[in-house]
Amino acid sequence: QVQLVESGGGLVEPGGSLRLSCTTSGHSSTLKSMAWFRQASGKEREYVSVATPGGGRIIKLSVKDRFTITRDNNTVWLQMNSLEPEDTARYFCAARLAEATTTNPDDYPFWGRGTQVTVTA
């Protein structure tokens, strides 16, 4: 069973930066897509960015100039710069074993518990 653990969230002022990390265990070979999703209070979960083992990257348009996803085997990071109050959410790491790259959270069977990011003055 694949287990994912996120870290790096916190409280930051607008314009600040955070770096989220997601480490995995329970799977010896390379996972396929690994992704970051976020869910703000009262809103649906939305994708932020996806990284494939082959170097492919997908990033949400609204954050593409501020967020960067990087990956090394089964560890993935999300560098978040110029944070805005609208980025406040719980951020989740997810992974899948199937080949196809997807931004649909329903396609990811493995999830971490999330890490809270709060952006406020």
Protein backbone atom coordinates (compact mmCIF):
# COMPACT_ATOMS: atom_id res chain seq x y z
CA GLN A 1 0.00 0.00 0.00
CA VAL A 2 1.41 3.35 -1.03
CA GLN A 3 1.59 5.89 1.77
CA LEU A 4 2.18 9.59 1.23
CA VAL A 5 3.14 12.19 3.80
CA GLU A 6 3.09 15.91 3.18
CA SER A 7 5.00 18.55 5.08
CA GLY A 8 6.00 22.18 4.79
CA GLY A 9 2.71 23.97 5.23
CA GLY A 10 2.23 26.86 7.59
CA LEU A 11 1.15 30.42 8.13
CA VAL A 12 2.68 33.01 5.83
CA GLU A 13 2.05 36.62 4.89
CA PRO A 14 0.98 37.60 1.38
CA GLY A 15 3.98 37.64 -0.89
CA GLY A 16 5.74 34.98 1.11
CA SER A 17 6.94 31.54 0.08
CA LEU A 18 6.56 27.98 1.22
CA ARG A 19 7.96 24.71 -0.01
CA LEU A 20 5.79 21.64 0.38
CA SER A 21 7.26 18.16 0.36
CA CYS A 22 5.64 14.80 -0.23
CA THR A 23 7.45 11.61 0.64
CA THR A 24 6.22 8.12 -0.10
CA SER A 25 6.62 4.63 1.26
CA GLY A 26 5.22 1.20 0.63
CA HIS A 27 6.09 1.04 -3.06
CA SER A 28 9.47 0.05 -4.39
CA SER A 29 9.12 0.98 -8.04
CA THR A 30 8.50 4.38 -9.56
CA LEU A 31 5.01 5.72 -9.22
CA LYS A 32 3.37 7.21 -12.27
CA SER A 33 1.73 10.62 -11.90
CA MET A 34 2.27 12.41 -8.62
CA ALA A 35 0.21 15.49 -8.03
CA TRP A 36 -0.63 18.30 -5.70
CA PHE A 37 -4.23 19.19 -5.06
CA ARG A 38 -5.72 21.73 -2.72
CA GLN A 39 -9.03 22.23 -1.05
CA ALA A 40 -10.14 25.49 0.45
CA SER A 41 -12.82 25.58 3.10
CA GLY A 42 -16.23 25.09 1.53
CA LYS A 43 -14.83 24.43 -1.93
CA GLU A 44 -14.14 21.39 -4.05
CA ARG A 45 -10.71 19.86 -4.28
CA GLU A 46 -8.78 21.19 -7.27
CA TYR A 47 -5.56 20.20 -8.92
CA VAL A 48 -2.54 22.42 -8.61
CA SER A 49 0.18 20.55 -10.43
CA VAL A 50 1.11 17.12 -11.75
CA ALA A 51 4.51 15.55 -12.34
CA THR A 52 5.15 12.40 -14.32
CA PRO A 53 8.23 10.20 -13.92
CA GLY A 54 9.30 11.07 -17.44
CA GLY A 55 9.58 14.78 -16.68
CA GLY A 56 6.15 15.89 -17.81
CA ARG A 57 4.63 18.77 -15.86
CA ILE A 58 1.15 20.20 -15.72
CA ILE A 59 0.39 23.26 -13.65
CA LYS A 60 -2.79 25.15 -13.00
CA LEU A 61 -2.91 28.30 -15.05
CA SER A 62 -3.67 30.57 -12.12
CA VAL A 63 -0.48 29.58 -10.30
CA LYS A 64 1.91 28.78 -13.12
CA ASP A 65 4.00 31.93 -12.64
CA ARG A 66 4.30 31.40 -8.89
CA PHE A 67 4.34 27.66 -8.21
CA THR A 68 6.84 25.05 -9.36
CA ILE A 69 6.59 21.31 -9.01
CA THR A 70 9.72 19.19 -8.89
CA ARG A 71 10.15 15.50 -8.53
CA ASP A 72 12.87 13.00 -7.74
CA ASN A 73 11.68 9.45 -8.13
CA ASN A 74 8.85 9.07 -5.61
CA THR A 75 9.33 12.38 -3.81
CA VAL A 76 7.67 15.52 -5.04
CA TRP A 77 7.90 19.14 -3.96
CA LEU A 78 5.82 22.21 -4.57
CA GLN A 79 7.63 25.53 -4.38
CA MET A 80 5.12 28.29 -3.83
CA ASN A 81 6.19 31.90 -4.23
CA SER A 82 4.29 35.19 -4.08
CA LEU A 83 1.56 33.55 -2.07
CA GLU A 84 -1.84 35.17 -2.04
CA PRO A 85 -4.72 34.84 0.43
CA GLU A 86 -6.57 32.92 -2.30
CA ASP A 87 -3.93 30.19 -2.00
CA THR A 88 -5.13 29.39 1.50
CA ALA A 89 -6.16 25.75 1.51
CA ARG A 90 -5.22 22.31 2.63
CA TYR A 91 -2.72 20.90 0.16
CA PHE A 92 -2.73 17.21 -0.62
CA CYS A 93 -0.24 14.98 -2.38
CA ALA A 94 -1.62 12.18 -4.52
CA ALA A 95 -0.22 9.41 -6.66
CA ARG A 96 -1.33 6.80 -9.11
CA LEU A 97 0.11 3.66 -10.67
CA ALA A 98 -1.72 3.86 -13.98
CA GLU A 99 0.07 5.35 -16.97
CA ALA A 100 -2.22 8.12 -18.13
CA THR A 101 -1.55 11.63 -16.84
CA THR A 102 -4.61 13.18 -15.29
CA THR A 103 -5.68 16.16 -13.19
CA ASN A 104 -8.90 14.54 -12.00
CA PRO A 105 -8.67 13.78 -8.28
CA ASP A 106 -10.95 10.78 -8.74
CA ASP A 107 -8.21 9.12 -10.78
CA TYR A 108 -5.76 9.10 -7.88
CA PRO A 109 -6.11 6.18 -5.48
CA PHE A 110 -3.35 7.19 -3.07
CA TRP A 111 -3.51 10.31 -0.93
CA GLY A 112 -1.72 11.92 1.94
CA ARG A 113 -3.53 13.60 4.79
CA GLY A 114 -2.60 17.06 3.63
CA THR A 115 -0.79 20.06 5.00
CA GLN A 116 -2.45 23.37 5.76
CA VAL A 117 -1.32 26.54 4.03
CA THR A 118 -2.71 29.79 5.36
CA VAL A 119 -1.86 33.10 3.74
CA THR A 120 -2.88 36.11 5.78
CA ALA A 121 -1.55 39.50 6.77
